[in-house]
């Protein structure tokens, strides 16, 4: 299970915050890799363009006191893979914090 671990996430805090993190991902469906599934996998909290977020306590990542954000990608055949975890933060939005290229 290979995935990125983001340990120091700094989300945008309002319109005047000009120093914040974003995540750049490949927009597979824009580049002709089929059609994105129409809904998030069961139990996931946010979904957009085949990517989904799940807010949970990920064992061995960050502190045990705060939830983490697991990042998943679901391909056109319905196979879902975890591609990343943001430690100790659920302040993550696919539409605001991700750049699809």
C-alpha atoms as a PDB file:
ATOM      1  CA  UNK A   1       0.000   0.000   0.000  1.00  0.00           C
ATOM      2  CA  UNK A   2       2.169   2.858  -1.276  1.00  0.00           C
ATOM      3  CA  UNK A   3       0.819   6.331  -0.590  1.00  0.00           C
ATOM      4  CA  UNK A   4       1.992   9.855   0.206  1.00  0.00           C
ATOM      5  CA  UNK A   5       2.134  10.969   3.841  1.00  0.00           C
ATOM      6  CA  UNK A   6       1.588  14.679   4.375  1.00  0.00           C
ATOM      7  CA  UNK A   7       2.618  15.555   7.911  1.00  0.00           C
ATOM      8  CA  UNK A   8       2.587  19.378   7.892  1.00  0.00           C
ATOM      9  CA  UNK A   9      -0.616  20.386   6.066  1.00  0.00           C
ATOM     10  CA  UNK A  10      -1.317  24.137   6.007  1.00  0.00           C
ATOM     11  CA  UNK A  11      -4.774  24.823   4.520  1.00  0.00           C
ATOM     12  CA  UNK A  12      -5.932  28.234   3.333  1.00  0.00           C
ATOM     13  CA  UNK A  13      -7.403  30.342   6.164  1.00  0.00           C
ATOM     14  CA  UNK A  14      -9.542  32.906   4.360  1.00  0.00           C
ATOM     15  CA  UNK A  15      -9.230  35.034   1.235  1.00  0.00           C
ATOM     16  CA  UNK A  16      -6.268  37.025   2.557  1.00  0.00           C
ATOM     17  CA  UNK A  17      -4.128  33.957   3.288  1.00  0.00           C
ATOM     18  CA  UNK A  18      -1.629  33.797   0.413  1.00  0.00           C
ATOM     19  CA  UNK A  19       0.717  31.131   1.830  1.00  0.00           C
ATOM     20  CA  UNK A  20      -0.985  27.763   2.043  1.00  0.00           C
ATOM     21  CA  UNK A  21      -0.658  24.214   0.721  1.00  0.00           C
ATOM     22  CA  UNK A  22      -2.405  22.691  -2.278  1.00  0.00           C
ATOM     23  CA  UNK A  23      -2.276  19.182  -3.694  1.00  0.00           C
ATOM     24  CA  UNK A  24      -1.758  18.717  -7.423  1.00  0.00           C
ATOM     25  CA  UNK A  25      -3.270  15.565  -8.945  1.00  0.00           C
ATOM     26  CA  UNK A  26      -3.640  14.213 -12.451  1.00  0.00           C
ATOM     27  CA  UNK A  27      -7.065  14.906 -13.966  1.00  0.00           C
ATOM     28  CA  UNK A  28      -7.375  11.459 -15.523  1.00  0.00           C
ATOM     29  CA  UNK A  29     -10.881  11.993 -16.861  1.00  0.00           C
ATOM     30  CA  UNK A  30     -10.043  15.304 -18.538  1.00  0.00           C
ATOM     31  CA  UNK A  31      -7.139  13.537 -20.280  1.00  0.00           C
ATOM     32  CA  UNK A  32      -9.354  10.778 -21.695  1.00  0.00           C
ATOM     33  CA  UNK A  33      -9.083   7.952 -19.166  1.00  0.00           C
ATOM     34  CA  UNK A  34     -12.788   7.112 -19.324  1.00  0.00           C
ATOM     35  CA  UNK A  35     -15.584   8.428 -17.137  1.00  0.00           C
ATOM     36  CA  UNK A  36     -15.387   9.086 -13.407  1.00  0.00           C
ATOM     37  CA  UNK A  37     -17.767   7.035 -11.263  1.00  0.00           C
ATOM     38  CA  UNK A  38     -20.865   9.077 -10.391  1.00  0.00           C
ATOM     39  CA  UNK A  39     -20.614   8.721  -6.609  1.00  0.00           C
ATOM     40  CA  UNK A  40     -18.117   8.350  -3.786  1.00  0.00           C
ATOM     41  CA  UNK A  41     -17.202   4.954  -2.375  1.00  0.00           C
ATOM     42  CA  UNK A  42     -19.318   4.037   0.656  1.00  0.00           C
ATOM     43  CA  UNK A  43     -18.235   5.864   3.814  1.00  0.00           C
ATOM     44  CA  UNK A  44     -16.216   8.598   2.088  1.00  0.00           C
ATOM     45  CA  UNK A  45     -16.859  12.233   3.014  1.00  0.00           C
ATOM     46  CA  UNK A  46     -16.071  14.223  -0.162  1.00  0.00           C
ATOM     47  CA  UNK A  47     -15.910  13.229  -3.852  1.00  0.00           C
ATOM     48  CA  UNK A  48     -14.842  14.963  -7.082  1.00  0.00           C
ATOM     49  CA  UNK A  49     -13.471  13.724 -10.437  1.00  0.00           C
ATOM     50  CA  UNK A  50     -12.712  10.222  -9.172  1.00  0.00           C
ATOM     51  CA  UNK A  51     -10.956  11.446  -6.009  1.00  0.00           C
ATOM     52  CA  UNK A  52     -12.482  11.068  -2.568  1.00  0.00           C
ATOM     53  CA  UNK A  53     -11.641  11.985   0.998  1.00  0.00           C
ATOM     54  CA  UNK A  54     -12.296   9.999   4.153  1.00  0.00           C
ATOM     55  CA  UNK A  55     -11.918  11.630   7.559  1.00  0.00           C
ATOM     56  CA  UNK A  56     -10.763   9.000  10.044  1.00  0.00           C
ATOM     57  CA  UNK A  57      -8.113   8.040  12.563  1.00  0.00           C
ATOM     58  CA  UNK A  58      -5.353   6.418  10.468  1.00  0.00           C
ATOM     59  CA  UNK A  59      -3.269   4.049  12.534  1.00  0.00           C
ATOM     60  CA  UNK A  60       0.401   5.038  12.769  1.00  0.00           C
ATOM     61  CA  UNK A  61      -0.089   8.491  11.187  1.00  0.00           C
ATOM     62  CA  UNK A  62       0.069  11.702  13.229  1.00  0.00           C
ATOM     63  CA  UNK A  63      -1.363  11.983  16.718  1.00  0.00           C
ATOM     64  CA  UNK A  64      -4.127   9.764  18.002  1.00  0.00           C
ATOM     65  CA  UNK A  65      -6.137  12.795  19.183  1.00  0.00           C
ATOM     66  CA  UNK A  66      -7.036  14.266  15.791  1.00  0.00           C
ATOM     67  CA  UNK A  67      -8.600  12.723  12.715  1.00  0.00           C
ATOM     68  CA  UNK A  68      -6.599  12.395   9.515  1.00  0.00           C
ATOM     69  CA  UNK A  69      -7.722  12.773   5.903  1.00  0.00           C
ATOM     70  CA  UNK A  70      -7.234   9.742   3.658  1.00  0.00           C
ATOM     71  CA  UNK A  71      -7.140  10.522  -0.078  1.00  0.00           C
ATOM     72  CA  UNK A  72      -8.436   7.928  -2.562  1.00  0.00           C
ATOM     73  CA  UNK A  73      -8.717   7.607  -6.324  1.00  0.00           C
ATOM     74  CA  UNK A  74     -11.362   5.448  -8.024  1.00  0.00           C
ATOM     75  CA  UNK A  75     -10.684   4.511 -11.636  1.00  0.00           C
ATOM     76  CA  UNK A  76     -13.301   4.043 -14.377  1.00  0.00           C
ATOM     77  CA  UNK A  77     -13.545   0.322 -13.510  1.00  0.00           C
ATOM     78  CA  UNK A  78     -14.473   1.083  -9.889  1.00  0.00           C
ATOM     79  CA  UNK A  79     -11.126   0.108  -8.313  1.00  0.00           C
ATOM     80  CA  UNK A  80     -10.351   2.406  -5.377  1.00  0.00           C
ATOM     81  CA  UNK A  81      -6.782   2.964  -4.127  1.00  0.00           C
ATOM     82  CA  UNK A  82      -5.572   5.041  -1.195  1.00  0.00           C
ATOM     83  CA  UNK A  83      -3.034   7.498  -2.605  1.00  0.00           C
ATOM     84  CA  UNK A  84      -2.325   9.713   0.399  1.00  0.00           C
ATOM     85  CA  UNK A  85      -2.948  10.651   4.017  1.00  0.00           C
ATOM     86  CA  UNK A  86      -2.933  14.145   5.509  1.00  0.00           C
ATOM     87  CA  UNK A  87      -2.011  13.775   9.184  1.00  0.00           C
ATOM     88  CA  UNK A  88      -4.001  15.466  11.942  1.00  0.00           C
ATOM     89  CA  UNK A  89      -6.312  17.520   9.728  1.00  0.00           C
ATOM     90  CA  UNK A  90      -9.795  17.301   8.276  1.00  0.00           C
ATOM     91  CA  UNK A  91      -9.622  20.866   6.932  1.00  0.00           C
ATOM     92  CA  UNK A  92      -9.324  19.579   3.363  1.00  0.00           C
ATOM     93  CA  UNK A  93     -11.605  20.110   0.376  1.00  0.00           C
ATOM     94  CA  UNK A  94     -11.208  18.534  -3.046  1.00  0.00           C
ATOM     95  CA  UNK A  95     -12.588  21.629  -4.777  1.00  0.00           C
ATOM     96  CA  UNK A  96     -10.599  24.188  -2.769  1.00  0.00           C
ATOM     97  CA  UNK A  97      -7.299  22.484  -1.880  1.00  0.00           C
ATOM     98  CA  UNK A  98      -6.655  20.310  -4.961  1.00  0.00           C
ATOM     99  CA  UNK A  99      -5.422  21.374  -8.403  1.00  0.00           C
ATOM    100  CA  UNK A 100      -6.425  19.021 -11.221  1.00  0.00           C
ATOM    101  CA  UNK A 101      -3.884  19.093 -14.057  1.00  0.00           C
END
